[in-house]
């Protein structure tokens, strides 16, 4: 039952984060869709980590594949925080939209972290991920 509660709470948190990003794009005073491009980063962020877990050799003592995946993931994560700041500094979006996008980033990436931590546990029914 704990797995179901974790899954529901992660889904709720992810929807709250996406709501912030959509509000940054759709509120009448902002009304520009440039901040929505961070959703591309949300899709790209977990891919290196998932691939390294899938193709890593457990008998190998070095974890260079995992370290490279973490490096690539951090590059995507920093880019998703930098994009709204650069757009706001360049005058493409207003600072309020930037703040809403950054708040959405924190929530969505916290949700992704919670997903990986929750479903990594051995006793979880969902550890096939």
N, C-alpha and C. Protein backbone atom coordinates (compact mmCIF):
# COMPACT_ATOMS: atom_id res chain seq x y z
N UNK A 1 0.81 -1.19 0.00
CA UNK A 1 0.00 0.00 0.00
C UNK A 1 0.86 1.26 0.00
N UNK A 2 2.07 1.18 0.55
CA UNK A 2 2.95 2.35 0.58
C UNK A 2 3.38 2.73 -0.83
N UNK A 3 3.51 1.76 -1.72
CA UNK A 3 3.89 2.04 -3.09
C UNK A 3 2.82 2.83 -3.82
N UNK A 4 1.55 2.53 -3.53
CA UNK A 4 0.45 3.24 -4.16
C UNK A 4 0.41 4.69 -3.68
N UNK A 5 0.62 4.90 -2.38
CA UNK A 5 0.62 6.26 -1.84
C UNK A 5 1.77 7.07 -2.43
N UNK A 6 2.93 6.45 -2.57
CA UNK A 6 4.07 7.15 -3.16
C UNK A 6 3.81 7.49 -4.61
N UNK A 7 3.21 6.57 -5.33
CA UNK A 7 2.90 6.81 -6.73
C UNK A 7 1.90 7.94 -6.91
N UNK A 8 0.88 7.97 -6.06
CA UNK A 8 -0.14 9.02 -6.14
C UNK A 8 0.46 10.37 -5.75
N UNK A 9 1.28 10.40 -4.71
CA UNK A 9 1.87 11.67 -4.30
C UNK A 9 2.87 12.19 -5.33
N UNK A 10 3.62 11.30 -5.98
CA UNK A 10 4.52 11.73 -7.04
C UNK A 10 3.75 12.27 -8.24
N UNK A 11 2.65 11.64 -8.58
CA UNK A 11 1.83 12.13 -9.69
C UNK A 11 1.24 13.50 -9.35
N UNK A 12 0.80 13.68 -8.11
CA UNK A 12 0.25 14.97 -7.69
C UNK A 12 1.32 16.06 -7.74
N UNK A 13 2.51 15.75 -7.24
CA UNK A 13 3.59 16.74 -7.26
C UNK A 13 4.00 17.09 -8.69
N UNK A 14 4.06 16.10 -9.56
CA UNK A 14 4.39 16.38 -10.95
C UNK A 14 3.36 17.26 -11.62
N UNK A 15 2.10 17.04 -11.31
CA UNK A 15 1.06 17.88 -11.91
C UNK A 15 1.10 19.30 -11.37
N UNK A 16 1.47 19.49 -10.12
CA UNK A 16 1.62 20.84 -9.56
C UNK A 16 2.78 21.56 -10.26
N UNK A 17 3.89 20.87 -10.46
CA UNK A 17 5.03 21.48 -11.16
C UNK A 17 4.69 21.87 -12.58
N UNK A 18 3.98 21.00 -13.29
CA UNK A 18 3.58 21.33 -14.66
C UNK A 18 2.57 22.47 -14.67
N UNK A 19 1.75 22.57 -13.64
CA UNK A 19 0.80 23.69 -13.55
C UNK A 19 1.54 25.02 -13.46
N UNK A 20 2.62 25.06 -12.69
CA UNK A 20 3.42 26.28 -12.60
C UNK A 20 4.01 26.66 -13.96
N UNK A 21 4.50 25.69 -14.69
CA UNK A 21 5.08 25.97 -16.00
C UNK A 21 4.00 26.45 -16.97
N UNK A 22 2.84 25.83 -16.94
CA UNK A 22 1.75 26.26 -17.82
C UNK A 22 1.26 27.64 -17.43
N UNK A 23 1.21 27.95 -16.14
CA UNK A 23 0.83 29.29 -15.70
C UNK A 23 1.84 30.34 -16.16
N UNK A 24 3.11 29.98 -16.19
CA UNK A 24 4.13 30.90 -16.67
C UNK A 24 3.92 31.24 -18.14
N UNK A 25 3.27 30.36 -18.87
CA UNK A 25 3.03 30.59 -20.29
C UNK A 25 1.67 31.20 -20.56
N UNK A 26 0.67 30.88 -19.78
CA UNK A 26 -0.71 31.17 -20.16
C UNK A 26 -1.35 32.34 -19.43
N UNK A 27 -0.77 32.84 -18.36
CA UNK A 27 -1.39 33.98 -17.69
C UNK A 27 -1.40 35.19 -18.62
N UNK A 28 -2.46 35.98 -18.57
CA UNK A 28 -2.61 37.08 -19.55
C UNK A 28 -1.45 38.09 -19.55
N UNK A 29 -0.86 38.36 -18.40
CA UNK A 29 0.22 39.34 -18.38
C UNK A 29 1.52 38.78 -18.97
N UNK A 30 1.65 37.44 -19.04
CA UNK A 30 2.85 36.83 -19.63
C UNK A 30 2.56 36.42 -21.07
N UNK A 31 1.59 35.56 -21.28
CA UNK A 31 1.04 35.17 -22.58
C UNK A 31 2.08 34.94 -23.67
N UNK A 32 3.15 34.26 -23.35
CA UNK A 32 4.14 33.87 -24.35
C UNK A 32 4.59 32.45 -24.00
N UNK A 33 4.83 31.63 -24.99
CA UNK A 33 5.05 30.21 -24.75
C UNK A 33 6.52 29.80 -24.69
N UNK A 34 7.44 30.73 -24.62
CA UNK A 34 8.86 30.36 -24.53
C UNK A 34 9.20 29.52 -23.30
N UNK A 35 8.65 29.79 -22.11
CA UNK A 35 9.02 28.96 -20.95
C UNK A 35 8.60 27.50 -21.07
N UNK A 36 7.69 27.20 -21.97
CA UNK A 36 7.23 25.81 -22.10
C UNK A 36 8.30 24.90 -22.69
N UNK A 37 9.37 25.47 -23.23
CA UNK A 37 10.44 24.65 -23.78
C UNK A 37 11.22 23.89 -22.71
N UNK A 38 11.03 24.21 -21.42
CA UNK A 38 11.69 23.44 -20.37
C UNK A 38 11.12 22.04 -20.26
N UNK A 39 9.94 21.81 -20.82
CA UNK A 39 9.36 20.47 -20.81
C UNK A 39 10.24 19.49 -21.58
N UNK A 40 10.91 19.99 -22.61
CA UNK A 40 11.87 19.16 -23.35
C UNK A 40 12.98 18.67 -22.42
N UNK A 41 13.43 19.53 -21.53
CA UNK A 41 14.46 19.14 -20.56
C UNK A 41 13.93 18.12 -19.56
N UNK A 42 12.63 18.22 -19.21
CA UNK A 42 12.04 17.25 -18.29
C UNK A 42 12.05 15.85 -18.91
N UNK A 43 11.87 15.79 -20.21
CA UNK A 43 11.88 14.50 -20.90
C UNK A 43 13.30 13.98 -21.04
N UNK A 44 14.25 14.87 -21.31
CA UNK A 44 15.63 14.45 -21.53
C UNK A 44 16.40 14.13 -20.25
N UNK A 45 16.01 14.70 -19.11
CA UNK A 45 16.79 14.56 -17.88
C UNK A 45 16.96 13.12 -17.40
N UNK A 46 15.94 12.29 -17.33
CA UNK A 46 16.16 10.95 -16.78
C UNK A 46 16.74 9.94 -17.77
N UNK A 47 16.83 10.28 -19.04
CA UNK A 47 17.26 9.30 -20.05
C UNK A 47 18.68 8.80 -19.81
N UNK A 48 19.69 9.66 -19.55
CA UNK A 48 21.04 9.10 -19.32
C UNK A 48 21.12 8.17 -18.12
N UNK A 49 20.44 8.52 -17.04
CA UNK A 49 20.48 7.68 -15.85
C UNK A 49 19.79 6.34 -16.09
N UNK A 50 18.66 6.37 -16.76
CA UNK A 50 17.96 5.11 -17.07
C UNK A 50 18.79 4.22 -17.99
N UNK A 51 19.46 4.84 -18.96
CA UNK A 51 20.29 4.05 -19.87
C UNK A 51 21.50 3.46 -19.16
N UNK A 52 22.12 4.23 -18.25
CA UNK A 52 23.29 3.71 -17.55
C UNK A 52 22.92 2.59 -16.59
N UNK A 53 21.76 2.66 -15.99
CA UNK A 53 21.31 1.57 -15.11
C UNK A 53 20.99 0.33 -15.92
N UNK A 54 20.51 0.53 -17.12
CA UNK A 54 20.13 -0.61 -17.97
C UNK A 54 21.36 -1.33 -18.51
N UNK A 55 22.39 -0.57 -18.87
CA UNK A 55 23.54 -1.15 -19.55
C UNK A 55 24.80 -1.21 -18.70
N UNK A 56 24.72 -0.95 -17.40
CA UNK A 56 25.91 -1.03 -16.57
C UNK A 56 26.21 -2.47 -16.21
N UNK A 57 27.49 -2.77 -16.09
CA UNK A 57 27.95 -4.11 -15.75
C UNK A 57 28.17 -4.18 -14.25
N UNK A 58 27.39 -4.97 -13.52
CA UNK A 58 27.54 -5.00 -12.05
C UNK A 58 28.85 -5.61 -11.59
N UNK A 59 29.51 -6.41 -12.43
CA UNK A 59 30.78 -7.01 -12.01
C UNK A 59 31.93 -6.03 -12.14
N UNK A 60 31.74 -4.95 -12.89
CA UNK A 60 32.78 -3.95 -13.08
C UNK A 60 32.87 -3.07 -11.84
N UNK A 61 34.08 -2.90 -11.31
CA UNK A 61 34.24 -2.10 -10.09
C UNK A 61 34.15 -0.61 -10.39
N UNK A 62 34.50 -0.18 -11.59
CA UNK A 62 34.40 1.24 -11.95
C UNK A 62 32.99 1.58 -12.40
N UNK A 63 32.57 2.73 -12.05
CA UNK A 63 31.22 3.16 -12.40
C UNK A 63 31.28 4.35 -13.35
N UNK A 64 32.15 4.26 -14.37
CA UNK A 64 32.33 5.39 -15.27
C UNK A 64 31.07 5.65 -16.09
N UNK A 65 30.33 4.61 -16.41
CA UNK A 65 29.09 4.80 -17.17
C UNK A 65 28.07 5.58 -16.34
N UNK A 66 27.93 5.24 -15.08
CA UNK A 66 27.01 5.95 -14.21
C UNK A 66 27.46 7.39 -13.98
N UNK A 67 28.77 7.60 -13.82
CA UNK A 67 29.27 8.96 -13.61
C UNK A 67 29.07 9.82 -14.85
N UNK A 68 29.26 9.26 -16.03
CA UNK A 68 29.00 10.01 -17.26
C UNK A 68 27.52 10.33 -17.40
N UNK A 69 26.67 9.41 -16.99
CA UNK A 69 25.23 9.66 -17.06
C UNK A 69 24.82 10.75 -16.08
N UNK A 70 25.39 10.75 -14.90
CA UNK A 70 25.09 11.81 -13.93
C UNK A 70 25.58 13.16 -14.45
N UNK A 71 26.75 13.17 -15.10
CA UNK A 71 27.25 14.41 -15.68
C UNK A 71 26.31 14.93 -16.77
N UNK A 72 25.83 14.06 -17.64
CA UNK A 72 24.90 14.46 -18.69
C UNK A 72 23.58 14.93 -18.10
N UNK A 73 23.11 14.24 -17.07
CA UNK A 73 21.86 14.63 -16.42
C UNK A 73 22.00 16.00 -15.77
N UNK A 74 23.12 16.27 -15.13
CA UNK A 74 23.33 17.57 -14.51
C UNK A 74 23.43 18.68 -15.56
N UNK A 75 23.99 18.37 -16.73
CA UNK A 75 24.02 19.36 -17.81
C UNK A 75 22.62 19.73 -18.27
N UNK A 76 21.75 18.74 -18.39
CA UNK A 76 20.36 18.99 -18.77
C UNK A 76 19.65 19.76 -17.67
N UNK A 77 19.89 19.41 -16.43
CA UNK A 77 19.24 20.07 -15.31
C UNK A 77 19.65 21.53 -15.22
N UNK A 78 20.94 21.82 -15.35
CA UNK A 78 21.41 23.21 -15.29
C UNK A 78 20.85 24.00 -16.48
N UNK A 79 20.76 23.37 -17.63
CA UNK A 79 20.21 24.05 -18.81
C UNK A 79 18.74 24.41 -18.61
N UNK A 80 18.00 23.53 -17.95
CA UNK A 80 16.59 23.83 -17.74
C UNK A 80 16.38 24.96 -16.74
N UNK A 81 17.31 25.17 -15.82
CA UNK A 81 17.22 26.31 -14.93
C UNK A 81 17.77 27.57 -15.59
N UNK A 82 18.71 27.42 -16.50
CA UNK A 82 19.31 28.58 -17.15
C UNK A 82 18.43 29.16 -18.25
N UNK A 83 17.64 28.33 -18.92
CA UNK A 83 16.83 28.81 -20.04
C UNK A 83 15.88 29.93 -19.64
N UNK A 84 15.05 29.78 -18.59
CA UNK A 84 14.16 30.90 -18.26
C UNK A 84 14.91 32.14 -17.78
N UNK A 85 16.05 31.96 -17.13
CA UNK A 85 16.81 33.12 -16.67
C UNK A 85 17.39 33.88 -17.85
N UNK A 86 17.92 33.16 -18.83
CA UNK A 86 18.46 33.81 -20.02
C UNK A 86 17.35 34.49 -20.81
N UNK A 87 16.20 33.84 -20.91
CA UNK A 87 15.07 34.46 -21.62
C UNK A 87 14.59 35.72 -20.91
N UNK A 88 14.58 35.71 -19.59
CA UNK A 88 14.15 36.89 -18.84
C UNK A 88 15.18 38.01 -18.94
N UNK A 89 16.45 37.67 -18.89
CA UNK A 89 17.50 38.69 -19.02
C UNK A 89 17.51 39.30 -20.41
N UNK A 90 17.17 38.50 -21.41
CA UNK A 90 17.13 38.99 -22.78
C UNK A 90 15.86 39.74 -23.13
N UNK A 91 14.91 39.76 -22.24
CA UNK A 91 13.67 40.48 -22.47
C UNK A 91 12.63 39.69 -23.25
N UNK A 92 12.84 38.42 -23.47
CA UNK A 92 11.87 37.61 -24.20
C UNK A 92 10.65 37.28 -23.35
N UNK A 93 10.87 37.08 -22.05
CA UNK A 93 9.77 36.80 -21.12
C UNK A 93 9.89 37.74 -19.94
N UNK A 94 8.83 37.88 -19.18
CA UNK A 94 8.86 38.70 -17.98
C UNK A 94 9.44 37.90 -16.82
N UNK A 95 9.90 38.62 -15.80
CA UNK A 95 10.52 37.94 -14.66
C UNK A 95 9.53 37.09 -13.88
N UNK A 96 8.28 37.47 -13.87
CA UNK A 96 7.27 36.65 -13.18
C UNK A 96 7.13 35.28 -13.83
N UNK A 97 7.17 35.23 -15.16
CA UNK A 97 7.13 33.95 -15.86
C UNK A 97 8.38 33.14 -15.57
N UNK A 98 9.50 33.83 -15.44
CA UNK A 98 10.75 33.14 -15.09
C UNK A 98 10.65 32.51 -13.71
N UNK A 99 10.11 33.24 -12.75
CA UNK A 99 9.98 32.70 -11.39
C UNK A 99 9.02 31.52 -11.33
N UNK A 100 7.92 31.62 -12.06
CA UNK A 100 6.98 30.49 -12.10
C UNK A 100 7.63 29.26 -12.74
N UNK A 101 8.40 29.48 -13.80
CA UNK A 101 9.08 28.37 -14.46
C UNK A 101 10.12 27.74 -13.53
N UNK A 102 10.87 28.57 -12.81
CA UNK A 102 11.87 28.03 -11.88
C UNK A 102 11.20 27.26 -10.74
N UNK A 103 10.06 27.75 -10.25
CA UNK A 103 9.33 27.01 -9.21
C UNK A 103 8.85 25.68 -9.76
N UNK A 104 8.35 25.67 -10.98
CA UNK A 104 7.95 24.42 -11.61
C UNK A 104 9.13 23.47 -11.79
N UNK A 105 10.30 24.02 -12.13
CA UNK A 105 11.50 23.19 -12.27
C UNK A 105 11.85 22.50 -10.95
N UNK A 106 11.84 23.26 -9.86
CA UNK A 106 12.16 22.66 -8.56
C UNK A 106 11.20 21.52 -8.22
N UNK A 107 9.93 21.74 -8.47
CA UNK A 107 8.94 20.72 -8.11
C UNK A 107 9.05 19.50 -9.02
N UNK A 108 9.21 19.71 -10.31
CA UNK A 108 9.29 18.57 -11.24
C UNK A 108 10.56 17.77 -11.00
N UNK A 109 11.69 18.44 -10.80
CA UNK A 109 12.91 17.68 -10.55
C UNK A 109 12.91 17.01 -9.18
N UNK A 110 12.25 17.60 -8.21
CA UNK A 110 12.05 16.91 -6.94
C UNK A 110 11.19 15.66 -7.11
N UNK A 111 10.21 15.75 -8.00
CA UNK A 111 9.38 14.59 -8.31
C UNK A 111 10.18 13.49 -8.99
N UNK A 112 11.04 13.88 -9.93
CA UNK A 112 11.89 12.89 -10.59
C UNK A 112 12.85 12.23 -9.61
N UNK A 113 13.41 13.02 -8.70
CA UNK A 113 14.29 12.47 -7.67
C UNK A 113 13.52 11.52 -6.76
N UNK A 114 12.32 11.91 -6.38
CA UNK A 114 11.48 11.04 -5.57
C UNK A 114 11.12 9.75 -6.29
N UNK A 115 10.90 9.84 -7.60
CA UNK A 115 10.61 8.64 -8.40
C UNK A 115 11.78 7.66 -8.34
N UNK A 116 12.99 8.18 -8.56
CA UNK A 116 14.15 7.30 -8.55
C UNK A 116 14.44 6.74 -7.16
N UNK A 117 14.24 7.53 -6.12
CA UNK A 117 14.49 7.04 -4.77
C UNK A 117 13.41 6.07 -4.29
N UNK A 118 12.17 6.33 -4.64
CA UNK A 118 11.07 5.47 -4.20
C UNK A 118 11.11 4.12 -4.87
N UNK A 119 11.33 4.11 -6.15
CA UNK A 119 11.24 2.87 -6.89
C UNK A 119 12.56 2.13 -7.02
N UNK A 120 13.60 2.63 -6.36
CA UNK A 120 14.86 1.90 -6.30
C UNK A 120 14.84 0.89 -5.15
N UNK A 121 13.97 1.08 -4.19
CA UNK A 121 13.91 0.20 -3.02
C UNK A 121 13.61 -1.24 -3.45
N UNK A 122 14.22 -2.17 -2.76
CA UNK A 122 14.07 -3.58 -3.10
C UNK A 122 12.67 -4.11 -2.80
N UNK A 123 12.02 -3.57 -1.80
CA UNK A 123 10.72 -4.07 -1.41
C UNK A 123 9.57 -3.46 -2.23
N UNK A 124 9.91 -2.60 -3.15
CA UNK A 124 8.88 -1.95 -3.96
C UNK A 124 8.39 -2.88 -5.05
N UNK A 125 7.09 -2.83 -5.31
CA UNK A 125 6.53 -3.62 -6.39
C UNK A 125 6.90 -3.07 -7.76
N UNK A 126 7.40 -1.82 -7.77
CA UNK A 126 7.67 -1.14 -9.04
C UNK A 126 9.16 -1.10 -9.36
N UNK A 127 10.00 -1.92 -8.73
CA UNK A 127 11.43 -1.80 -8.95
C UNK A 127 11.89 -2.35 -10.28
N UNK A 128 10.97 -2.69 -11.17
CA UNK A 128 11.36 -3.11 -12.52
C UNK A 128 11.89 -1.94 -13.33
N UNK A 129 11.65 -0.68 -12.90
CA UNK A 129 12.13 0.48 -13.63
C UNK A 129 13.62 0.50 -13.54
